[in-house]
Amino acid sequence: MDVELKQSKKQEQLSDEEVKVYIAQSQQGDQEARNILVEKNMRLVWSVVQRFLNRGYDPDDLFQIGCIGLLKSVDKFDLSYDVKFSTYAVPMIIGEIQRFIRDDGSVKVSRSLKETGNKIRRKKDELTKVLGRTPTVQELAKELDISPEDVVLAQEASKSPHSIHETVYENDGDPITLLDQIAEQDTKWFDKIALQEAIRSLDERERLIVYLRYYKDQTQSDVAERLGISQVQVSRLEKKILSFIKDQMKE
């Protein structure tokens, strides 16, 4: 495609075939085609970002990370697959954002909650000197004109998270960690959570395939008829889904 045609495509929606043409060009090093794909999929990235807005991160930061996932999906997309690019891209974008949140290594707390926590801390020090003892939650709430529930919430939010490898008990010199206690309760605990998170990362059609195949025990032909696609397409999608889930549970 020439430059003028590429410029015009920035102003309109792309068909699935046009998307694949631009992906092929991008994979061959065409930066203009790459830019068009990013522009045309900004809404897709933002739709994924919406899922993570309650984590305390700046939406623009998450959007930038999501765009990295989008570009990775452009680079890795197999043009021989009979699947829409967006179906492939969404899990990649989600995975990139999840890795960012995981690797950030901290629990994010809203600014207002942090400010309330700081006010409580200062007031607690002040009242301790006046009363000669640690003030109660009710006393702090009354002084700051907030509810006791807000005091407790802010205090809990300001605490540092515990490591699962932290020693919680010494048994004749043999340390017992939080991980040991969790494992004793249920050795499959982590696997269950990892599997649930991986399935949540799938798009609606992929989750339906998992549900029909592994919860309703339907054949690939049954699923194909339900979705209006071929049995071969279901087989390819299922392999991709299982590979994605496996990779997610390894992280």
C-alpha atoms as a PDB file:
ATOM      1  CA  MET A   1       0.000   0.000   0.000  1.00  0.00           C
ATOM      2  CA  ASP A   2       1.301   3.482  -0.840  1.00  0.00           C
ATOM      3  CA  VAL A   3       1.692   6.314   1.671  1.00  0.00           C
ATOM      4  CA  GLU A   4      -1.536   8.139   0.657  1.00  0.00           C
ATOM      5  CA  LEU A   5      -3.607   4.979   1.057  1.00  0.00           C
ATOM      6  CA  LYS A   6      -2.044   4.299   4.448  1.00  0.00           C
ATOM      7  CA  GLN A   7      -2.830   7.822   5.575  1.00  0.00           C
ATOM      8  CA  SER A   8      -6.476   7.408   4.519  1.00  0.00           C
ATOM      9  CA  LYS A   9      -6.719   4.119   6.403  1.00  0.00           C
ATOM     10  CA  LYS A  10      -5.895   5.951   9.617  1.00  0.00           C
ATOM     11  CA  GLN A  11      -9.288   7.620   9.332  1.00  0.00           C
ATOM     12  CA  GLU A  12     -11.414   4.481   8.892  1.00  0.00           C
ATOM     13  CA  GLN A  13     -12.016   1.054  10.381  1.00  0.00           C
ATOM     14  CA  LEU A  14      -9.893  -1.787   9.058  1.00  0.00           C
ATOM     15  CA  SER A  15     -11.297  -5.062   7.796  1.00  0.00           C
ATOM     16  CA  ASP A  16      -9.835  -8.331   9.113  1.00  0.00           C
ATOM     17  CA  GLU A  17      -7.974  -8.792   5.832  1.00  0.00           C
ATOM     18  CA  GLU A  18      -6.524  -5.272   5.953  1.00  0.00           C
ATOM     19  CA  VAL A  19      -5.386  -5.867   9.524  1.00  0.00           C
ATOM     20  CA  LYS A  20      -3.507  -8.960   8.392  1.00  0.00           C
ATOM     21  CA  VAL A  21      -1.909  -7.022   5.517  1.00  0.00           C
ATOM     22  CA  TYR A  22      -0.646  -4.377   7.961  1.00  0.00           C
ATOM     23  CA  ILE A  23       0.563  -7.058  10.380  1.00  0.00           C
ATOM     24  CA  ALA A  24       2.554  -8.688   7.566  1.00  0.00           C
ATOM     25  CA  GLN A  25       4.055  -5.314   6.641  1.00  0.00           C
ATOM     26  CA  SER A  26       4.836  -4.524  10.274  1.00  0.00           C
ATOM     27  CA  GLN A  27       6.537  -7.859  10.758  1.00  0.00           C
ATOM     28  CA  GLN A  28       8.701  -6.973   7.756  1.00  0.00           C
ATOM     29  CA  GLY A  29       9.779  -3.714   9.398  1.00  0.00           C
ATOM     30  CA  ASP A  30       7.218  -1.214   8.062  1.00  0.00           C
ATOM     31  CA  GLN A  31       6.900   1.381  10.878  1.00  0.00           C
ATOM     32  CA  GLU A  32       3.975   3.198   9.234  1.00  0.00           C
ATOM     33  CA  ALA A  33       1.928  -0.010   9.150  1.00  0.00           C
ATOM     34  CA  ARG A  34       2.860  -0.586  12.792  1.00  0.00           C
ATOM     35  CA  ASN A  35       1.652   2.900  13.749  1.00  0.00           C
ATOM     36  CA  ILE A  36      -1.659   2.358  11.965  1.00  0.00           C
ATOM     37  CA  LEU A  37      -2.241  -0.893  13.859  1.00  0.00           C
ATOM     38  CA  VAL A  38      -1.608   0.881  17.163  1.00  0.00           C
ATOM     39  CA  GLU A  39      -3.958   3.746  16.260  1.00  0.00           C
ATOM     40  CA  LYS A  40      -6.708   1.420  15.137  1.00  0.00           C
ATOM     41  CA  ASN A  41      -6.476  -0.721  18.285  1.00  0.00           C
ATOM     42  CA  MET A  42      -6.291   2.032  20.928  1.00  0.00           C
ATOM     43  CA  ARG A  43      -9.924   1.402  21.859  1.00  0.00           C
ATOM     44  CA  LEU A  44      -9.149  -2.306  22.284  1.00  0.00           C
ATOM     45  CA  VAL A  45      -6.253  -1.510  24.645  1.00  0.00           C
ATOM     46  CA  TRP A  46      -8.401   0.900  26.671  1.00  0.00           C
ATOM     47  CA  SER A  47     -11.154  -1.710  26.988  1.00  0.00           C
ATOM     48  CA  VAL A  48      -8.622  -4.072  28.572  1.00  0.00           C
ATOM     49  CA  VAL A  49      -7.224  -1.336  30.825  1.00  0.00           C
ATOM     50  CA  GLN A  50     -10.730  -0.817  32.282  1.00  0.00           C
ATOM     51  CA  ARG A  51     -10.424  -4.214  34.005  1.00  0.00           C
ATOM     52  CA  PHE A  52      -7.458  -3.006  36.062  1.00  0.00           C
ATOM     53  CA  LEU A  53      -8.556   0.493  37.107  1.00  0.00           C
ATOM     54  CA  ASN A  54      -9.319  -0.604  40.690  1.00  0.00           C
ATOM     55  CA  ARG A  55      -5.701  -1.607  41.328  1.00  0.00           C
ATOM     56  CA  GLY A  56      -4.511   1.917  42.169  1.00  0.00           C
ATOM     57  CA  TYR A  57      -2.401   2.411  39.032  1.00  0.00           C
ATOM     58  CA  ASP A  58      -2.485   5.437  36.754  1.00  0.00           C
ATOM     59  CA  PRO A  59      -4.684   4.607  33.704  1.00  0.00           C
ATOM     60  CA  ASP A  60      -2.161   6.195  31.332  1.00  0.00           C
ATOM     61  CA  ASP A  61       0.606   3.980  32.710  1.00  0.00           C
ATOM     62  CA  LEU A  62      -1.548   0.890  32.215  1.00  0.00           C
ATOM     63  CA  PHE A  63      -2.405   2.055  28.701  1.00  0.00           C
ATOM     64  CA  GLN A  64       1.280   2.351  27.808  1.00  0.00           C
ATOM     65  CA  ILE A  65       1.923  -1.148  29.158  1.00  0.00           C
ATOM     66  CA  GLY A  66      -1.118  -2.410  27.246  1.00  0.00           C
ATOM     67  CA  CYS A  67       0.309  -0.930  24.036  1.00  0.00           C
ATOM     68  CA  ILE A  68       3.483  -2.927  24.619  1.00  0.00           C
ATOM     69  CA  GLY A  69       1.322  -6.048  24.794  1.00  0.00           C
ATOM     70  CA  LEU A  70      -0.436  -4.963  21.596  1.00  0.00           C
ATOM     71  CA  LEU A  71       2.880  -4.565  19.757  1.00  0.00           C
ATOM     72  CA  LYS A  72       4.057  -7.951  21.012  1.00  0.00           C
ATOM     73  CA  SER A  73       0.884  -9.497  19.651  1.00  0.00           C
ATOM     74  CA  VAL A  74       1.533  -7.807  16.276  1.00  0.00           C
ATOM     75  CA  ASP A  75       5.046  -9.264  16.201  1.00  0.00           C
ATOM     76  CA  LYS A  76       3.992 -12.761  17.279  1.00  0.00           C
ATOM     77  CA  PHE A  77       0.697 -13.124  15.411  1.00  0.00           C
ATOM     78  CA  ASP A  78       0.724 -16.152  13.102  1.00  0.00           C
ATOM     79  CA  LEU A  79      -0.943 -15.078   9.865  1.00  0.00           C
ATOM     80  CA  SER A  80      -1.771 -18.680   9.047  1.00  0.00           C
ATOM     81  CA  TYR A  81      -4.234 -18.797  11.975  1.00  0.00           C
ATOM     82  CA  ASP A  82      -7.886 -18.503  11.020  1.00  0.00           C
ATOM     83  CA  VAL A  83      -8.613 -16.185  13.943  1.00  0.00           C
ATOM     84  CA  LYS A  84      -9.268 -12.468  14.347  1.00  0.00           C
ATOM     85  CA  PHE A  85      -6.284 -10.424  15.475  1.00  0.00           C
ATOM     86  CA  SER A  86      -8.245  -8.897  18.381  1.00  0.00           C
ATOM     87  CA  THR A  87      -9.018 -12.388  19.715  1.00  0.00           C
ATOM     88  CA  TYR A  88      -5.284 -13.081  19.830  1.00  0.00           C
ATOM     89  CA  ALA A  89      -4.261  -9.618  21.040  1.00  0.00           C
ATOM     90  CA  VAL A  90      -6.511  -9.292  24.108  1.00  0.00           C
ATOM     91  CA  PRO A  91      -4.850 -12.110  26.132  1.00  0.00           C
ATOM     92  CA  MET A  92      -1.426 -10.702  25.206  1.00  0.00           C
ATOM     93  CA  ILE A  93      -2.407  -7.217  26.407  1.00  0.00           C
ATOM     94  CA  ILE A  94      -3.886  -8.619  29.622  1.00  0.00           C
ATOM     95  CA  GLY A  95      -0.770 -10.702  30.225  1.00  0.00           C
ATOM     96  CA  GLU A  96       1.536  -7.709  29.774  1.00  0.00           C
ATOM     97  CA  ILE A  97      -0.468  -5.614  32.263  1.00  0.00           C
ATOM     98  CA  GLN A  98      -0.601  -8.504  34.737  1.00  0.00           C
ATOM     99  CA  ARG A  99       3.185  -8.943  34.517  1.00  0.00           C
ATOM    100  CA  PHE A 100       3.662  -5.219  35.133  1.00  0.00           C
ATOM    101  CA  ILE A 101       1.447  -5.323  38.228  1.00  0.00           C
ATOM    102  CA  ARG A 102       3.086  -8.513  39.493  1.00  0.00           C
ATOM    103  CA  ASP A 103       6.661  -7.287  38.905  1.00  0.00           C
ATOM    104  CA  ASP A 104       5.876  -3.918  40.504  1.00  0.00           C
ATOM    105  CA  GLY A 105       5.902  -5.893  43.753  1.00  0.00           C
ATOM    106  CA  SER A 106       3.682  -3.656  45.827  1.00  0.00           C
ATOM    107  CA  VAL A 107       0.071  -3.256  46.847  1.00  0.00           C
ATOM    108  CA  LYS A 108      -1.263   0.044  45.522  1.00  0.00           C
ATOM    109  CA  VAL A 109      -3.303   2.219  47.841  1.00  0.00           C
ATOM    110  CA  SER A 110      -5.342   5.211  46.685  1.00  0.00           C
ATOM    111  CA  ARG A 111      -3.987   8.694  47.424  1.00  0.00           C
ATOM    112  CA  SER A 112      -7.002   9.646  49.563  1.00  0.00           C
ATOM    113  CA  LEU A 113      -6.575   6.514  51.670  1.00  0.00           C
ATOM    114  CA  LYS A 114      -2.880   7.269  52.110  1.00  0.00           C
ATOM    115  CA  GLU A 115      -3.689  10.839  53.205  1.00  0.00           C
ATOM    116  CA  THR A 116      -6.244   9.547  55.711  1.00  0.00           C
ATOM    117  CA  GLY A 117      -3.677   7.090  57.034  1.00  0.00           C
ATOM    118  CA  ASN A 118      -1.137   9.897  57.507  1.00  0.00           C
ATOM    119  CA  LYS A 119      -3.712  12.019  59.368  1.00  0.00           C
ATOM    120  CA  ILE A 120      -4.532   9.080  61.636  1.00  0.00           C
ATOM    121  CA  ARG A 121      -0.865   8.465  62.355  1.00  0.00           C
ATOM    122  CA  ARG A 122      -0.249  12.092  63.300  1.00  0.00           C
ATOM    123  CA  LYS A 123      -3.389  12.277  65.421  1.00  0.00           C
ATOM    124  CA  LYS A 124      -2.513   8.984  67.109  1.00  0.00           C
ATOM    125  CA  ASP A 125       0.915  10.334  68.150  1.00  0.00           C
ATOM    126  CA  GLU A 126      -0.683  13.542  69.381  1.00  0.00           C
ATOM    127  CA  LEU A 127      -3.351  11.795  71.464  1.00  0.00           C
ATOM    128  CA  THR A 128      -0.865   9.288  72.870  1.00  0.00           C
ATOM    129  CA  LYS A 129       1.105  12.164  74.396  1.00  0.00           C
ATOM    130  CA  VAL A 130      -2.030  13.826  75.759  1.00  0.00           C
ATOM    131  CA  LEU A 131      -3.726  10.695  77.095  1.00  0.00           C
ATOM    132  CA  GLY A 132      -0.599   8.833  78.184  1.00  0.00           C
ATOM    133  CA  ARG A 133      -1.848   5.758  76.288  1.00  0.00           C
ATOM    134  CA  THR A 134      -2.703   4.619  72.769  1.00  0.00           C
ATOM    135  CA  PRO A 135      -6.037   6.133  71.665  1.00  0.00           C
ATOM    136  CA  THR A 136      -8.906   3.847  70.680  1.00  0.00           C
ATOM    137  CA  VAL A 137     -10.356   3.649  67.180  1.00  0.00           C
ATOM    138  CA  GLN A 138     -13.457   5.490  68.379  1.00  0.00           C
ATOM    139  CA  GLU A 139     -11.362   8.305  69.847  1.00  0.00           C
ATOM    140  CA  LEU A 140      -9.400   8.693  66.625  1.00  0.00           C
ATOM    141  CA  ALA A 141     -12.593   8.664  64.567  1.00  0.00           C
ATOM    142  CA  LYS A 142     -14.165  11.363  66.765  1.00  0.00           C
ATOM    143  CA  GLU A 143     -11.102  13.611  66.619  1.00  0.00           C
ATOM    144  CA  LEU A 144     -10.821  13.318  62.837  1.00  0.00           C
ATOM    145  CA  ASP A 145     -14.583  13.400  62.223  1.00  0.00           C
ATOM    146  CA  ILE A 146     -14.611  10.165  60.258  1.00  0.00           C
ATOM    147  CA  SER A 147     -16.216   6.784  60.869  1.00  0.00           C
ATOM    148  CA  PRO A 148     -14.459   4.068  62.918  1.00  0.00           C
ATOM    149  CA  GLU A 149     -14.664   1.861  59.813  1.00  0.00           C
ATOM    150  CA  ASP A 150     -12.655   4.420  57.826  1.00  0.00           C
ATOM    151  CA  VAL A 151     -10.025   4.504  60.578  1.00  0.00           C
ATOM    152  CA  VAL A 152      -9.626   0.721  60.494  1.00  0.00           C
ATOM    153  CA  LEU A 153      -9.568   0.633  56.674  1.00  0.00           C
ATOM    154  CA  ALA A 154      -6.891   3.320  56.438  1.00  0.00           C
ATOM    155  CA  GLN A 155      -4.756   1.679  59.124  1.00  0.00           C
ATOM    156  CA  GLU A 156      -4.960  -1.728  57.444  1.00  0.00           C
ATOM    157  CA  ALA A 157      -4.144  -0.241  54.042  1.00  0.00           C
ATOM    158  CA  SER A 158      -0.991   1.393  55.422  1.00  0.00           C
ATOM    159  CA  LYS A 159       0.418  -1.893  56.716  1.00  0.00           C
ATOM    160  CA  SER A 160       3.151  -3.592  54.723  1.00  0.00           C
ATOM    161  CA  PRO A 161       2.094  -6.871  53.069  1.00  0.00           C
ATOM    162  CA  HIS A 162       3.505 -10.076  54.544  1.00  0.00           C
ATOM    163  CA  SER A 163       5.759 -12.325  52.523  1.00  0.00           C
ATOM    164  CA  ILE A 164       4.583 -15.910  52.141  1.00  0.00           C
ATOM    165  CA  HIS A 165       8.140 -16.888  53.158  1.00  0.00           C
ATOM    166  CA  GLU A 166       7.986 -14.926  56.405  1.00  0.00           C
ATOM    167  CA  THR A 167       8.541 -16.995  59.565  1.00  0.00           C
ATOM    168  CA  VAL A 168       5.361 -17.055  61.623  1.00  0.00           C
ATOM    169  CA  TYR A 169       6.348 -19.672  64.217  1.00  0.00           C
ATOM    170  CA  GLU A 170       9.492 -21.313  65.569  1.00  0.00           C
ATOM    171  CA  ASN A 171       9.115 -25.010  66.402  1.00  0.00           C
ATOM    172  CA  ASP A 172      12.213 -26.120  68.353  1.00  0.00           C
ATOM    173  CA  GLY A 173      14.389 -23.997  66.130  1.00  0.00           C
ATOM    174  CA  ASP A 174      12.649 -25.168  62.953  1.00  0.00           C
ATOM    175  CA  PRO A 175      10.976 -22.114  61.311  1.00  0.00           C
ATOM    176  CA  ILE A 176       7.454 -22.419  59.942  1.00  0.00           C
ATOM    177  CA  THR A 177       6.554 -19.950  57.187  1.00  0.00           C
ATOM    178  CA  LEU A 178       3.222 -18.569  56.042  1.00  0.00           C
ATOM    179  CA  LEU A 179       3.627 -20.681  52.902  1.00  0.00           C
ATOM    180  CA  ASP A 180       3.941 -23.819  55.058  1.00  0.00           C
ATOM    181  CA  GLN A 181       0.681 -23.006  56.810  1.00  0.00           C
ATOM    182  CA  ILE A 182      -1.147 -22.398  53.545  1.00  0.00           C
ATOM    183  CA  ALA A 183       0.230 -25.596  52.022  1.00  0.00           C
ATOM    184  CA  GLU A 184      -0.933 -27.630  55.010  1.00  0.00           C
ATOM    185  CA  GLN A 185      -4.480 -26.389  54.468  1.00  0.00           C
ATOM    186  CA  ASP A 186      -4.625 -27.100  50.754  1.00  0.00           C
ATOM    187  CA  THR A 187      -1.736 -28.117  48.515  1.00  0.00           C
ATOM    188  CA  LYS A 188      -3.755 -27.166  45.413  1.00  0.00           C
ATOM    189  CA  TRP A 189      -4.539 -23.661  46.681  1.00  0.00           C
ATOM    190  CA  PHE A 190      -2.126 -21.813  44.405  1.00  0.00           C
ATOM    191  CA  ASP A 191      -2.976 -23.911  41.351  1.00  0.00           C
ATOM    192  CA  LYS A 192      -6.668 -23.155  41.746  1.00  0.00           C
ATOM    193  CA  ILE A 193      -6.063 -19.399  41.955  1.00  0.00           C
ATOM    194  CA  ALA A 194      -3.648 -19.451  39.003  1.00  0.00           C
ATOM    195  CA  LEU A 195      -6.153 -21.392  36.886  1.00  0.00           C
ATOM    196  CA  GLN A 196      -8.993 -19.004  37.764  1.00  0.00           C
ATOM    197  CA  GLU A 197      -6.846 -15.973  36.877  1.00  0.00           C
ATOM    198  CA  ALA A 198      -5.788 -17.548  33.574  1.00  0.00           C
ATOM    199  CA  ILE A 199      -9.404 -18.297  32.591  1.00  0.00           C
ATOM    200  CA  ARG A 200     -10.455 -14.743  33.521  1.00  0.00           C
ATOM    201  CA  SER A 201      -7.809 -13.462  31.102  1.00  0.00           C
ATOM    202  CA  LEU A 202      -9.502 -15.198  28.167  1.00  0.00           C
ATOM    203  CA  ASP A 203     -11.969 -13.339  25.988  1.00  0.00           C
ATOM    204  CA  GLU A 204     -15.679 -14.202  25.987  1.00  0.00           C
ATOM    205  CA  ARG A 205     -15.516 -16.738  23.152  1.00  0.00           C
ATOM    206  CA  GLU A 206     -12.467 -18.489  24.585  1.00  0.00           C
ATOM    207  CA  ARG A 207     -14.109 -18.791  28.012  1.00  0.00           C
ATOM    208  CA  LEU A 208     -17.193 -20.245  26.314  1.00  0.00           C
ATOM    209  CA  ILE A 209     -15.035 -22.852  24.567  1.00  0.00           C
ATOM    210  CA  VAL A 210     -13.444 -23.844  27.882  1.00  0.00           C
ATOM    211  CA  TYR A 211     -16.883 -24.011  29.533  1.00  0.00           C
ATOM    212  CA  LEU A 212     -18.467 -26.128  26.802  1.00  0.00           C
ATOM    213  CA  ARG A 213     -15.493 -28.483  26.352  1.00  0.00           C
ATOM    214  CA  TYR A 214     -14.421 -29.032  29.957  1.00  0.00           C
ATOM    215  CA  TYR A 215     -17.465 -28.225  32.075  1.00  0.00           C
ATOM    216  CA  LYS A 216     -20.232 -29.414  29.744  1.00  0.00           C
ATOM    217  CA  ASP A 217     -18.082 -32.172  28.176  1.00  0.00           C
ATOM    218  CA  GLN A 218     -19.179 -31.288  24.640  1.00  0.00           C
ATOM    219  CA  THR A 219     -17.268 -32.448  21.565  1.00  0.00           C
ATOM    220  CA  GLN A 220     -15.369 -30.058  19.306  1.00  0.00           C
ATOM    221  CA  SER A 221     -18.069 -30.606  16.677  1.00  0.00           C
ATOM    222  CA  ASP A 222     -20.768 -29.594  19.168  1.00  0.00           C
ATOM    223  CA  VAL A 223     -18.822 -26.456  20.076  1.00  0.00           C
ATOM    224  CA  ALA A 224     -18.219 -25.635  16.401  1.00  0.00           C
ATOM    225  CA  GLU A 225     -21.950 -25.831  15.696  1.00  0.00           C
ATOM    226  CA  ARG A 226     -22.702 -23.635  18.715  1.00  0.00           C
ATOM    227  CA  LEU A 227     -20.181 -20.972  17.637  1.00  0.00           C
ATOM    228  CA  GLY A 228     -20.880 -21.179  13.902  1.00  0.00           C
ATOM    229  CA  ILE A 229     -17.316 -22.092  12.978  1.00  0.00           C
ATOM    230  CA  SER A 230     -15.567 -25.247  11.755  1.00  0.00           C
ATOM    231  CA  GLN A 231     -14.355 -28.113  13.945  1.00  0.00           C
ATOM    232  CA  VAL A 232     -10.805 -27.381  12.732  1.00  0.00           C
ATOM    233  CA  GLN A 233     -11.091 -23.800  13.987  1.00  0.00           C
ATOM    234  CA  VAL A 234     -12.298 -25.025  17.376  1.00  0.00           C
ATOM    235  CA  SER A 235      -9.342 -27.421  17.527  1.00  0.00           C
ATOM    236  CA  ARG A 236      -6.866 -24.615  16.761  1.00  0.00           C
ATOM    237  CA  LEU A 237      -8.484 -22.257  19.258  1.00  0.00           C
ATOM    238  CA  GLU A 238      -8.528 -24.932  21.936  1.00  0.00           C
ATOM    239  CA  LYS A 239      -4.818 -25.650  21.470  1.00  0.00           C
ATOM    240  CA  LYS A 240      -4.050 -21.928  21.664  1.00  0.00           C
ATOM    241  CA  ILE A 241      -6.203 -21.513  24.790  1.00  0.00           C
ATOM    242  CA  LEU A 242      -4.585 -24.463  26.574  1.00  0.00           C
ATOM    243  CA  SER A 243      -1.117 -23.208  25.639  1.00  0.00           C
ATOM    244  CA  PHE A 244      -1.979 -19.727  26.965  1.00  0.00           C
ATOM    245  CA  ILE A 245      -3.372 -21.115  30.245  1.00  0.00           C
ATOM    246  CA  LYS A 246      -0.282 -23.291  30.685  1.00  0.00           C
ATOM    247  CA  ASP A 247       2.029 -20.314  30.135  1.00  0.00           C
ATOM    248  CA  GLN A 248       0.027 -18.130  32.535  1.00  0.00           C
ATOM    249  CA  MET A 249       0.176 -20.740  35.307  1.00  0.00           C
ATOM    250  CA  LYS A 250       3.944 -21.004  34.918  1.00  0.00           C
ATOM    251  CA  GLU A 251       4.480 -17.284  35.625  1.00  0.00           C
END
